[in-house]
Amino acid sequence: PHRTFSLLGTHQETVRPQGQATFSLGGAVVLTVALHEIEAKRASMHVRLTHGQKTPFDSNLKLGRDGSFIVSGPSEAGGAQLFYAITVIYPRGGGAK
């Protein structure tokens, strides 16, 4: 069990429908979020987490407005486990972040 947690950083990107954002998260870890569409109450997207040649997460999902999704990455040296939170925030009638 993990007893302590640390925030290592934050990334924010504005993504329009049919667009994507790619985040380099250190080492060989890359997170790609491709926004498919925005509806009144949710957004649909494709999320892919790669770690070198491995792809521990690759899926389509829908998140509610201001909703979050947590992806667990591969264990790092020393047994540390990294978690990546994805939050979709967008104003009514506007674009997504």
C-alpha atoms as a PDB file:
ATOM      1  CA  PRO A   1       0.000   0.000   0.000  1.00  0.00           C
ATOM      2  CA  HIS A   2       1.090   3.553  -0.718  1.00  0.00           C
ATOM      3  CA  ARG A   3       1.149   5.873   2.275  1.00  0.00           C
ATOM      4  CA  THR A   4       2.294   9.110   0.646  1.00  0.00           C
ATOM      5  CA  PHE A   5       1.461  10.872  -2.580  1.00  0.00           C
ATOM      6  CA  SER A   6       3.185  13.761  -4.356  1.00  0.00           C
ATOM      7  CA  LEU A   7       1.997  15.950  -7.218  1.00  0.00           C
ATOM      8  CA  LEU A   8       4.795  15.864  -9.776  1.00  0.00           C
ATOM      9  CA  GLY A   9       3.292  18.353 -12.207  1.00  0.00           C
ATOM     10  CA  THR A  10       0.270  19.533 -14.137  1.00  0.00           C
ATOM     11  CA  HIS A  11      -0.369  20.005 -17.849  1.00  0.00           C
ATOM     12  CA  GLN A  12      -3.260  21.878 -19.433  1.00  0.00           C
ATOM     13  CA  GLU A  13      -4.167  22.032 -23.083  1.00  0.00           C
ATOM     14  CA  THR A  14      -7.143  23.352 -25.036  1.00  0.00           C
ATOM     15  CA  VAL A  15      -8.367  20.742 -27.506  1.00  0.00           C
ATOM     16  CA  ARG A  16     -11.086  21.261 -30.071  1.00  0.00           C
ATOM     17  CA  PRO A  17     -13.263  18.399 -31.363  1.00  0.00           C
ATOM     18  CA  GLN A  18     -11.318  16.168 -33.775  1.00  0.00           C
ATOM     19  CA  GLY A  19      -8.081  17.534 -32.286  1.00  0.00           C
ATOM     20  CA  GLN A  20      -5.564  15.982 -29.949  1.00  0.00           C
ATOM     21  CA  ALA A  21      -2.982  16.882 -27.341  1.00  0.00           C
ATOM     22  CA  THR A  22       0.165  14.937 -26.477  1.00  0.00           C
ATOM     23  CA  PHE A  23       1.930  15.278 -23.142  1.00  0.00           C
ATOM     24  CA  SER A  24       5.458  14.078 -22.424  1.00  0.00           C
ATOM     25  CA  LEU A  25       5.325  13.037 -18.776  1.00  0.00           C
ATOM     26  CA  GLY A  26       8.972  12.299 -18.158  1.00  0.00           C
ATOM     27  CA  GLY A  27      11.202   9.453 -19.215  1.00  0.00           C
ATOM     28  CA  ALA A  28       9.539   7.497 -21.988  1.00  0.00           C
ATOM     29  CA  VAL A  29       5.978   8.144 -20.750  1.00  0.00           C
ATOM     30  CA  VAL A  30       3.629   9.876 -23.222  1.00  0.00           C
ATOM     31  CA  LEU A  31      -0.085  10.585 -22.756  1.00  0.00           C
ATOM     32  CA  THR A  32      -2.201  11.359 -25.839  1.00  0.00           C
ATOM     33  CA  VAL A  33      -5.797  12.588 -25.624  1.00  0.00           C
ATOM     34  CA  ALA A  34      -7.811  12.860 -28.863  1.00  0.00           C
ATOM     35  CA  LEU A  35     -11.161  14.626 -28.468  1.00  0.00           C
ATOM     36  CA  HIS A  36     -13.878  13.135 -30.659  1.00  0.00           C
ATOM     37  CA  GLU A  37     -16.891  15.270 -29.768  1.00  0.00           C
ATOM     38  CA  ILE A  38     -18.453  17.452 -27.100  1.00  0.00           C
ATOM     39  CA  GLU A  39     -22.064  16.952 -26.097  1.00  0.00           C
ATOM     40  CA  ALA A  40     -24.122  18.988 -23.639  1.00  0.00           C
ATOM     41  CA  LYS A  41     -23.256  16.766 -20.665  1.00  0.00           C
ATOM     42  CA  ARG A  42     -20.183  14.791 -21.731  1.00  0.00           C
ATOM     43  CA  ALA A  43     -17.210  14.578 -24.051  1.00  0.00           C
ATOM     44  CA  SER A  44     -15.994  11.486 -25.912  1.00  0.00           C
ATOM     45  CA  MET A  45     -12.289  10.928 -26.429  1.00  0.00           C
ATOM     46  CA  HIS A  46      -9.522   8.438 -27.068  1.00  0.00           C
ATOM     47  CA  VAL A  47      -6.857   8.197 -24.343  1.00  0.00           C
ATOM     48  CA  ARG A  48      -3.534   6.442 -24.859  1.00  0.00           C
ATOM     49  CA  LEU A  49      -0.686   6.095 -22.380  1.00  0.00           C
ATOM     50  CA  THR A  50       2.603   4.748 -23.699  1.00  0.00           C
ATOM     51  CA  HIS A  51       5.739   3.866 -21.766  1.00  0.00           C
ATOM     52  CA  GLY A  52       8.507   3.210 -24.263  1.00  0.00           C
ATOM     53  CA  GLN A  53       7.340   0.316 -26.458  1.00  0.00           C
ATOM     54  CA  LYS A  54       4.540  -0.645 -24.030  1.00  0.00           C
ATOM     55  CA  THR A  55       0.988   0.696 -24.100  1.00  0.00           C
ATOM     56  CA  PRO A  56      -0.487   0.122 -20.639  1.00  0.00           C
ATOM     57  CA  PHE A  57      -3.683   2.028 -21.497  1.00  0.00           C
ATOM     58  CA  ASP A  58      -5.426   2.604 -24.856  1.00  0.00           C
ATOM     59  CA  SER A  59      -9.186   3.166 -24.838  1.00  0.00           C
ATOM     60  CA  ASN A  60     -12.140   5.253 -25.993  1.00  0.00           C
ATOM     61  CA  LEU A  61     -14.187   6.774 -23.189  1.00  0.00           C
ATOM     62  CA  LYS A  62     -16.809   9.366 -22.347  1.00  0.00           C
ATOM     63  CA  LEU A  63     -16.431  11.753 -19.431  1.00  0.00           C
ATOM     64  CA  GLY A  64     -19.150  13.901 -17.953  1.00  0.00           C
ATOM     65  CA  ARG A  65     -18.695  17.675 -17.911  1.00  0.00           C
ATOM     66  CA  ASP A  66     -16.059  18.517 -15.285  1.00  0.00           C
ATOM     67  CA  GLY A  67     -15.476  14.778 -14.830  1.00  0.00           C
ATOM     68  CA  SER A  68     -12.139  13.098 -14.125  1.00  0.00           C
ATOM     69  CA  PHE A  69     -10.576   9.790 -15.063  1.00  0.00           C
ATOM     70  CA  ILE A  70      -7.454   8.301 -13.465  1.00  0.00           C
ATOM     71  CA  VAL A  71      -4.973   6.146 -15.389  1.00  0.00           C
ATOM     72  CA  SER A  72      -2.366   4.137 -13.508  1.00  0.00           C
ATOM     73  CA  GLY A  73       0.998   4.034 -15.215  1.00  0.00           C
ATOM     74  CA  PRO A  74       3.727   1.422 -14.918  1.00  0.00           C
ATOM     75  CA  SER A  75       5.693   1.096 -11.679  1.00  0.00           C
ATOM     76  CA  GLU A  76       8.874   3.125 -11.555  1.00  0.00           C
ATOM     77  CA  ALA A  77      12.221   2.288  -9.999  1.00  0.00           C
ATOM     78  CA  GLY A  78      11.903   1.805  -6.269  1.00  0.00           C
ATOM     79  CA  GLY A  79       8.307   0.613  -6.607  1.00  0.00           C
ATOM     80  CA  ALA A  80       6.712   4.049  -6.978  1.00  0.00           C
ATOM     81  CA  GLN A  81       3.390   3.938  -8.815  1.00  0.00           C
ATOM     82  CA  LEU A  82       2.439   6.881 -11.056  1.00  0.00           C
ATOM     83  CA  PHE A  83      -1.171   7.958 -11.585  1.00  0.00           C
ATOM     84  CA  TYR A  84      -2.377  10.362 -14.269  1.00  0.00           C
ATOM     85  CA  ALA A  85      -5.653  12.246 -13.802  1.00  0.00           C
ATOM     86  CA  ILE A  86      -7.496  13.529 -16.874  1.00  0.00           C
ATOM     87  CA  THR A  87     -10.204  16.144 -16.285  1.00  0.00           C
ATOM     88  CA  VAL A  88     -12.533  17.544 -18.940  1.00  0.00           C
ATOM     89  CA  ILE A  89     -13.641  21.129 -18.331  1.00  0.00           C
ATOM     90  CA  TYR A  90     -15.665  23.133 -20.814  1.00  0.00           C
ATOM     91  CA  PRO A  91     -18.198  25.942 -20.633  1.00  0.00           C
ATOM     92  CA  ARG A  92     -21.716  25.480 -21.903  1.00  0.00           C
ATOM     93  CA  GLY A  93     -21.670  26.014 -25.652  1.00  0.00           C
ATOM     94  CA  GLY A  94     -17.865  26.307 -25.691  1.00  0.00           C
ATOM     95  CA  GLY A  95     -14.738  24.325 -26.374  1.00  0.00           C
ATOM     96  CA  ALA A  96     -13.029  21.815 -24.084  1.00  0.00           C
ATOM     97  CA  LYS A  97      -9.840  21.911 -22.057  1.00  0.00           C
END
